[in-house]
Amino acid sequence: MLQKLFVAAIAMLSYNLSIAQTASISTPPADTVAKAVEEPKKEPFLTITGSVDGYYKFDFAESKANSFTSFTQTHNSFSLGMASVKFEHKGDKVSAVADLGFGPRAKDFAYTDDGITQAVKQLYVSYAPAEWLKFTLGTWATHVGYELLDPQLNRNYSMSYMFTNGPFSHTGLMAEVSKGKHGAMLGISNSTDFRTPMDGQINKKFLLAQYTFAPTDKIKIYLNYVGGQNPDTSKTNQFDAVVTAKFSDKFNIGFNGTVNSTQLWDGSKNIESKAWWGSALYLNYDPKAWFGLTLRGELFGDKNQFKAFSGATEGGNIFSTTLSANFKKGGFIFIPEFRLDNASKEILFTNKDGVFTKSAVSFLIAAVYSF
């Protein structure tokens, strides 16, 4: 009898322990449940990109005196372009960019700087309190124009006259807003291309503005403005428009038009305005994923004096045609390019004998690798 009672007690004890264990597993504490369903914390991440490029150029007049656009002012020479590296760190609302370049291309871009600061292409911090709003403080490449400093982002290797006449960069503060198909930017900066104001120019500022509209996924419109007082006390206003349109996976076009008006300073006041303008059409055709062609036609005009050549005493027009092929493999692009520049007057280009002529012809090959 005692043995039966002992077995029964053991059985009841085991049953109670089993219920207690089941209850503890199926009903964890409330704070444990909350931790289990928390979203993983987003950590900032760093991306590193960059590029290197070089080129060889031959001018059929056998002179570099006919080179009036940025970055390719050589003849019969293998030349360095730029070694570039871009660090971009993104957080939830704050991000920072350090975009550095080394070589002749970067030096020409930062022509107002000396020493190590010439390596700074872009350097800025951004704060986005909402998805539709972002503030940026620092130095960034200009919003004006179709072409960009980094060669892998252009299809022509040589640059347009509009790009050469700037602006290149801005240093200041800007705010960007976006809503659906529309976007806008408003900013204030130092004088164009000046990261550090010249002595006595601290209070001279430029106003920056941009409006963007994308009526469809294949069409984008950019209306740009930059204006203010230059270090030499002249006043500049520049209006610029860029339109891109994609017709198919193989064919797209780009258009850039700009007008610059500058009021000169006579020592006591700003006097009459001197204007220059430009217009360019880019036809981009990619029959294969590894091969593409770009034809750029640009008309640049300055009735007062050629901006591209400080020694010119007269004004006129230049029509430039550039045909570039792009052979692509991964991050590598090989670019053979043929260019013809034709001026309305014989005051700009020279032939082999050093005599002024209306036309200049050049050929170049370039190699660009980006990662």
Protein backbone atom coordinates (compact mmCIF):
# COMPACT_ATOMS: atom_id res chain seq x y z
CA MET A 1 0.00 0.00 0.00
CA LEU A 2 2.78 2.46 0.89
CA GLN A 3 4.54 1.65 -2.36
CA LYS A 4 1.40 2.50 -4.38
CA LEU A 5 1.03 5.84 -2.58
CA PHE A 6 4.67 6.70 -3.29
CA VAL A 7 4.31 5.97 -7.03
CA ALA A 8 1.14 8.06 -7.20
CA ALA A 9 2.88 11.02 -5.52
CA ILE A 10 5.77 10.84 -7.96
CA ALA A 11 3.36 10.82 -10.92
CA MET A 12 1.47 13.90 -9.66
CA LEU A 13 4.71 15.80 -9.06
CA SER A 14 5.92 15.06 -12.60
CA TYR A 15 2.59 16.25 -14.04
CA ASN A 16 2.78 19.57 -12.14
CA LEU A 17 6.38 20.17 -13.27
CA SER A 18 5.38 19.53 -16.90
CA ILE A 19 2.57 22.14 -16.74
CA ALA A 20 4.91 24.72 -15.17
CA GLN A 21 7.53 24.25 -17.90
CA THR A 22 4.91 24.54 -20.68
CA ALA A 23 3.55 27.77 -19.20
CA SER A 24 7.03 29.32 -18.90
CA ILE A 25 7.81 28.58 -22.57
CA SER A 26 4.50 29.77 -24.06
CA THR A 27 4.19 33.03 -22.12
CA PRO A 28 7.52 34.94 -22.07
CA PRO A 29 7.70 38.35 -20.36
CA ALA A 30 6.16 41.26 -22.29
CA ASP A 31 9.48 43.13 -22.65
CA THR A 32 11.05 40.06 -24.28
CA VAL A 33 8.31 40.00 -26.90
CA ALA A 34 8.84 43.70 -27.67
CA LYS A 35 12.58 43.17 -28.20
CA ALA A 36 11.91 40.25 -30.54
CA VAL A 37 9.83 42.35 -32.97
CA GLU A 38 12.09 45.45 -32.94
CA GLU A 39 13.43 46.45 -36.36
CA PRO A 40 17.18 46.05 -36.73
CA LYS A 41 19.07 49.28 -36.12
CA LYS A 42 20.29 51.00 -39.27
CA GLU A 43 24.00 51.64 -39.16
CA PRO A 44 25.73 54.29 -41.32
CA PHE A 45 27.63 52.88 -44.28
CA LEU A 46 30.63 54.04 -46.28
CA THR A 47 30.98 53.80 -50.07
CA ILE A 48 34.22 54.43 -51.96
CA THR A 49 34.26 55.13 -55.70
CA GLY A 50 36.80 56.65 -58.01
CA SER A 51 38.38 56.84 -61.44
CA VAL A 52 41.64 57.34 -63.33
CA ASP A 53 42.11 58.66 -66.87
CA GLY A 54 44.69 59.73 -69.40
CA TYR A 55 44.76 60.72 -73.07
CA TYR A 56 46.79 61.45 -76.18
CA LYS A 57 45.89 64.40 -78.43
CA PHE A 58 47.08 65.44 -81.87
CA ASP A 59 46.25 68.87 -83.35
CA PHE A 60 46.41 68.94 -87.16
CA ALA A 61 47.91 72.45 -87.00
CA GLU A 62 50.70 70.86 -84.93
CA SER A 63 50.20 73.38 -82.14
CA LYS A 64 48.51 73.47 -78.77
CA ALA A 65 47.58 77.12 -79.39
CA ASN A 66 44.20 76.01 -80.81
CA SER A 67 43.07 74.40 -77.53
CA PHE A 68 40.57 76.71 -75.84
CA THR A 69 38.46 74.27 -73.81
CA SER A 70 39.21 72.68 -70.44
CA PHE A 71 41.50 69.73 -69.69
CA THR A 72 42.87 68.91 -73.20
CA GLN A 73 45.18 71.84 -73.94
CA THR A 74 48.04 69.76 -75.38
CA HIS A 75 49.41 68.58 -78.72
CA ASN A 76 51.24 65.38 -79.72
CA SER A 77 51.60 64.39 -76.10
CA PHE A 78 50.54 61.59 -73.79
CA SER A 79 48.92 63.41 -70.88
CA LEU A 80 47.58 62.63 -67.45
CA GLY A 81 43.98 63.39 -66.62
CA MET A 82 42.98 62.82 -63.02
CA ALA A 83 43.08 60.22 -60.28
CA SER A 84 39.88 60.60 -58.28
CA VAL A 85 38.50 58.99 -55.12
CA LYS A 86 35.15 59.75 -53.51
CA PHE A 87 34.23 58.82 -49.92
CA GLU A 88 30.53 58.97 -49.07
CA HIS A 89 29.22 58.17 -45.59
CA LYS A 90 25.46 57.90 -45.13
CA GLY A 91 23.50 57.82 -41.90
CA ASP A 92 19.79 57.94 -41.22
CA LYS A 93 19.49 61.71 -41.79
CA VAL A 94 23.07 62.97 -42.03
CA SER A 95 25.60 62.22 -44.76
CA ALA A 96 29.03 63.50 -45.75
CA VAL A 97 31.05 63.48 -48.96
CA ALA A 98 34.79 63.92 -49.49
CA ASP A 99 35.50 63.88 -53.23
CA LEU A 100 39.21 64.28 -54.04
CA GLY A 101 41.10 64.53 -57.33
CA PHE A 102 44.78 64.62 -58.22
CA GLY A 103 46.30 65.63 -61.54
CA PRO A 104 46.04 68.34 -64.21
CA ARG A 105 42.28 67.95 -64.60
CA ALA A 106 41.65 68.49 -60.87
CA LYS A 107 44.11 71.39 -60.78
CA ASP A 108 42.36 73.18 -63.64
CA PHE A 109 38.98 72.61 -61.97
CA ALA A 110 40.18 74.20 -58.69
CA TYR A 111 42.07 77.04 -60.40
CA THR A 112 41.35 79.58 -57.61
CA ASP A 113 43.05 77.39 -54.97
CA ASP A 114 46.67 76.73 -54.13
CA GLY A 115 48.44 73.71 -52.68
CA ILE A 116 46.60 70.74 -51.25
CA THR A 117 43.16 72.36 -51.48
CA GLN A 118 43.37 71.98 -55.27
CA ALA A 119 42.70 68.29 -54.64
CA VAL A 120 39.24 69.07 -53.26
CA LYS A 121 36.56 68.54 -55.89
CA GLN A 122 33.66 68.35 -53.44
CA LEU A 123 33.53 68.43 -49.65
CA TYR A 124 30.18 68.77 -47.91
CA VAL A 125 27.81 67.63 -45.18
CA SER A 126 24.08 67.09 -45.79
CA TYR A 127 21.15 66.90 -43.37
CA ALA A 128 17.75 65.54 -44.46
CA PRO A 129 15.13 66.11 -41.72
CA ALA A 130 12.47 64.68 -44.07
CA GLU A 131 12.39 62.66 -47.29
CA TRP A 132 11.42 65.76 -49.26
CA LEU A 133 13.90 68.20 -47.72
CA LYS A 134 17.73 68.30 -47.59
CA PHE A 135 20.27 70.95 -46.52
CA THR A 136 23.89 70.90 -47.71
CA LEU A 137 26.86 72.90 -46.43
CA GLY A 138 30.30 72.89 -48.06
CA THR A 139 31.69 72.77 -51.61
CA TRP A 140 29.93 70.99 -54.46
CA ALA A 141 30.10 70.85 -58.27
CA THR A 142 27.84 73.35 -60.01
CA HIS A 143 24.27 72.55 -60.98
CA VAL A 144 24.70 74.58 -64.18
CA GLY A 145 25.28 72.78 -67.47
CA TYR A 146 25.12 69.30 -69.01
CA GLU A 147 28.75 68.19 -68.71
CA LEU A 148 30.56 67.11 -65.54
CA LEU A 149 34.12 67.11 -64.23
CA ASP A 150 34.49 63.32 -63.88
CA PRO A 151 35.30 61.91 -67.35
CA GLN A 152 33.37 58.66 -66.87
CA LEU A 153 30.18 60.71 -66.49
CA ASN A 154 30.58 62.32 -69.94
CA ARG A 155 30.46 60.62 -73.32
CA ASN A 156 32.75 63.14 -75.02
CA TYR A 157 36.22 63.39 -73.50
CA SER A 158 36.95 66.97 -74.55
CA MET A 159 34.76 69.64 -72.99
CA SER A 160 32.38 72.23 -74.43
CA TYR A 161 32.99 75.99 -74.49
CA MET A 162 30.02 76.42 -72.14
CA PHE A 163 31.59 74.13 -69.55
CA THR A 164 34.96 75.87 -69.92
CA ASN A 165 33.43 79.28 -69.21
CA GLY A 166 31.88 77.93 -66.01
CA PRO A 167 30.83 77.99 -63.35
CA PHE A 168 32.73 74.99 -61.94
CA SER A 169 31.84 74.82 -58.24
CA HIS A 170 30.06 76.60 -55.38
CA THR A 171 30.90 76.89 -51.70
CA GLY A 172 28.03 77.77 -49.41
CA LEU A 173 24.67 76.51 -48.16
CA MET A 174 21.76 75.15 -50.20
CA ALA A 175 18.34 73.68 -49.53
CA GLU A 176 16.69 71.11 -51.81
CA VAL A 177 13.02 70.14 -51.84
CA SER A 178 11.26 67.49 -53.93
CA LYS A 179 7.63 66.53 -54.41
CA GLY A 180 6.54 64.03 -57.01
CA LYS A 181 7.72 65.14 -60.45
CA HIS A 182 8.98 68.49 -59.20
CA GLY A 183 12.12 69.60 -57.41
CA ALA A 184 13.74 72.89 -56.42
CA MET A 185 17.02 74.14 -54.98
CA LEU A 186 17.87 77.49 -53.44
CA GLY A 187 21.31 78.41 -52.12
CA ILE A 188 23.79 81.12 -51.22
CA SER A 189 27.53 80.84 -51.86
CA ASN A 190 30.83 82.63 -52.16
CA SER A 191 31.67 84.07 -55.56
CA THR A 192 31.69 81.37 -58.22
CA ASP A 193 34.62 78.92 -57.94
CA PHE A 194 36.01 80.60 -54.80
CA ARG A 195 36.11 78.33 -51.76
CA THR A 196 37.85 80.98 -49.69
CA PRO A 197 36.89 84.59 -50.50
CA MET A 198 39.67 86.91 -51.58
CA ASP A 199 40.75 89.68 -49.20
CA GLY A 200 38.02 92.28 -48.95
CA GLN A 201 35.46 90.06 -50.72
CA ILE A 202 33.95 88.32 -47.68
CA ASN A 203 30.53 89.94 -48.02
CA LYS A 204 30.16 89.26 -51.75
CA LYS A 205 27.75 86.37 -52.25
CA PHE A 206 26.05 84.55 -55.11
CA LEU A 207 22.46 83.34 -55.30
CA LEU A 208 21.90 79.82 -56.65
CA ALA A 209 18.63 78.32 -57.85
CA GLN A 210 17.32 75.32 -59.75
CA TYR A 211 13.92 73.97 -60.74
CA THR A 212 13.54 70.41 -62.04
CA PHE A 213 10.57 68.76 -63.69
CA ALA A 214 10.20 65.17 -64.90
CA PRO A 215 6.91 64.93 -66.83
CA THR A 216 7.68 61.27 -67.61
CA ASP A 217 10.32 58.72 -66.67
CA LYS A 218 12.07 59.46 -69.97
CA ILE A 219 12.10 63.27 -69.99
CA LYS A 220 13.83 65.56 -67.48
CA ILE A 221 14.03 69.36 -67.48
CA TYR A 222 16.43 71.49 -65.42
CA LEU A 223 16.21 75.29 -65.19
CA ASN A 224 19.27 76.80 -63.49
CA TYR A 225 20.39 80.19 -62.25
CA VAL A 226 23.52 81.63 -60.67
CA GLY A 227 24.19 85.30 -60.03
CA GLY A 228 26.06 87.73 -57.80
CA GLN A 229 29.09 89.96 -57.42
CA ASN A 230 32.48 88.72 -58.59
CA PRO A 231 35.79 89.38 -56.79
CA ASP A 232 36.59 92.12 -59.35
CA THR A 233 33.28 93.82 -58.35
CA SER A 234 31.57 93.05 -61.68
CA LYS A 235 28.10 91.50 -61.43
CA THR A 236 27.10 88.28 -63.18
CA ASN A 237 23.75 86.69 -63.98
CA GLN A 238 23.62 83.36 -65.76
CA PHE A 239 20.51 81.47 -66.85
CA ASP A 240 20.85 77.87 -67.98
CA ALA A 241 18.58 75.07 -69.22
CA VAL A 242 19.20 71.34 -69.62
CA VAL A 243 16.79 68.84 -71.18
CA THR A 244 17.33 65.09 -71.48
CA ALA A 245 15.07 62.67 -73.37
CA LYS A 246 15.31 58.90 -73.70
CA PHE A 247 13.65 57.47 -76.81
CA SER A 248 14.79 53.87 -76.35
CA ASP A 249 17.47 51.79 -74.64
CA LYS A 250 19.72 52.59 -77.61
CA PHE A 251 19.06 56.27 -78.29
CA ASN A 252 18.78 59.39 -76.13
CA ILE A 253 19.52 63.09 -76.51
CA GLY A 254 20.63 65.97 -74.33
CA PHE A 255 20.33 69.72 -74.79
CA ASN A 256 22.07 72.55 -72.96
CA GLY A 257 21.53 76.26 -73.47
CA THR A 258 23.01 79.09 -71.39
CA VAL A 259 23.22 82.89 -71.34
CA ASN A 260 25.67 84.86 -69.21
CA SER A 261 25.46 88.62 -68.68
CA THR A 262 28.17 90.50 -66.77
CA GLN A 263 28.07 94.15 -65.72
CA LEU A 264 31.63 95.47 -65.68
CA TRP A 265 33.03 97.77 -62.97
CA ASP A 266 34.54 101.11 -64.03
CA GLY A 267 36.07 101.88 -60.65
CA SER A 268 33.04 103.55 -59.14
CA LYS A 269 29.97 101.78 -60.48
CA ASN A 270 28.74 98.89 -62.61
CA ILE A 271 28.36 99.89 -66.25
CA GLU A 272 26.87 98.25 -69.38
CA SER A 273 26.49 94.47 -69.57
CA LYS A 274 28.67 92.20 -71.70
CA ALA A 275 27.02 88.92 -72.65
CA TRP A 276 28.01 85.54 -74.02
CA TRP A 277 25.83 82.52 -74.77
CA GLY A 278 25.99 78.91 -75.84
CA SER A 279 23.82 76.06 -77.07
CA ALA A 280 24.68 72.39 -77.52
CA LEU A 281 22.89 69.23 -78.68
CA TYR A 282 24.11 65.74 -77.71
CA LEU A 283 23.00 62.72 -79.76
CA ASN A 284 23.79 59.46 -77.95
CA TYR A 285 23.46 56.10 -79.72
CA ASP A 286 24.31 52.70 -78.16
CA PRO A 287 23.82 49.89 -80.70
CA LYS A 288 25.57 47.45 -78.34
CA ALA A 289 26.05 47.31 -74.58
CA TRP A 290 29.82 47.59 -75.13
CA PHE A 291 29.77 50.27 -77.85
CA GLY A 292 28.29 53.74 -78.15
CA LEU A 293 28.57 56.90 -80.23
CA THR A 294 28.02 60.53 -79.23
CA LEU A 295 27.81 63.49 -81.59
CA ARG A 296 28.00 66.90 -79.91
CA GLY A 297 27.23 70.05 -81.84
CA GLU A 298 27.85 73.33 -79.98
CA LEU A 299 27.37 76.94 -81.01
CA PHE A 300 29.14 79.44 -78.74
CA GLY A 301 28.79 83.18 -79.20
CA ASP A 302 30.38 86.29 -77.75
CA LYS A 303 29.91 89.48 -79.76
CA ASN A 304 32.20 91.42 -77.42
CA GLN A 305 35.26 89.19 -77.05
CA PHE A 306 35.88 85.46 -77.18
CA LYS A 307 35.71 84.26 -73.57
CA ALA A 308 37.73 81.19 -74.49
CA PHE A 309 40.72 83.26 -75.58
CA SER A 310 41.74 86.27 -73.48
CA GLY A 311 43.97 87.64 -76.25
CA ALA A 312 41.14 88.09 -78.75
CA THR A 313 40.23 91.71 -79.43
CA GLU A 314 37.03 90.94 -81.35
CA GLY A 315 33.95 88.86 -80.77
CA GLY A 316 32.25 86.26 -82.89
CA ASN A 317 30.84 82.73 -82.93
CA ILE A 318 32.34 79.26 -82.79
CA PHE A 319 30.62 76.14 -84.06
CA SER A 320 32.21 72.96 -82.73
CA THR A 321 31.40 69.40 -83.81
CA THR A 322 32.73 66.47 -81.78
CA LEU A 323 32.25 62.78 -82.59
CA SER A 324 33.25 60.33 -79.84
CA ALA A 325 33.09 56.54 -79.71
CA ASN A 326 32.83 54.70 -76.37
CA PHE A 327 34.17 51.14 -76.16
CA LYS A 328 33.18 49.75 -72.75
CA LYS A 329 34.25 46.73 -70.73
CA GLY A 330 33.27 46.69 -67.06
CA GLY A 331 34.51 49.96 -65.58
CA PHE A 332 36.87 50.63 -68.51
CA ILE A 333 36.03 53.06 -71.36
CA PHE A 334 38.22 53.62 -74.41
CA ILE A 335 37.35 56.86 -76.28
CA PRO A 336 38.63 57.76 -79.75
CA GLU A 337 37.43 61.29 -80.62
CA PHE A 338 37.48 63.57 -83.66
CA ARG A 339 36.79 67.31 -83.25
CA LEU A 340 36.29 70.21 -85.69
CA ASP A 341 36.05 73.81 -84.45
CA ASN A 342 35.02 76.56 -86.84
CA ALA A 343 35.03 80.27 -85.96
CA SER A 344 33.13 83.04 -87.75
CA LYS A 345 36.31 85.16 -88.01
CA GLU A 346 40.00 84.50 -88.55
CA ILE A 347 41.06 85.81 -85.16
CA LEU A 348 41.17 82.70 -82.97
CA PHE A 349 42.68 79.57 -84.56
CA THR A 350 46.00 79.28 -86.41
CA ASN A 351 47.36 76.89 -89.04
CA LYS A 352 50.76 75.16 -89.22
CA ASP A 353 52.42 78.38 -90.29
CA GLY A 354 51.00 80.34 -87.34
CA VAL A 355 48.63 82.28 -89.60
CA PHE A 356 45.10 82.94 -88.38
CA THR A 357 42.43 80.71 -89.88
CA LYS A 358 38.79 79.94 -89.19
CA SER A 359 39.08 76.22 -88.42
CA ALA A 360 40.91 73.84 -86.11
CA VAL A 361 40.92 70.04 -86.30
CA SER A 362 42.10 67.62 -83.61
CA PHE A 363 42.03 63.93 -82.75
CA LEU A 364 42.48 62.23 -79.39
CA ILE A 365 42.26 58.87 -77.71
CA ALA A 366 41.44 58.56 -74.01
CA ALA A 367 41.32 55.74 -71.49
CA VAL A 368 39.06 55.98 -68.44
CA TYR A 369 38.62 53.44 -65.65
CA SER A 370 36.09 53.89 -62.85
CA PHE A 371 35.26 51.74 -59.84
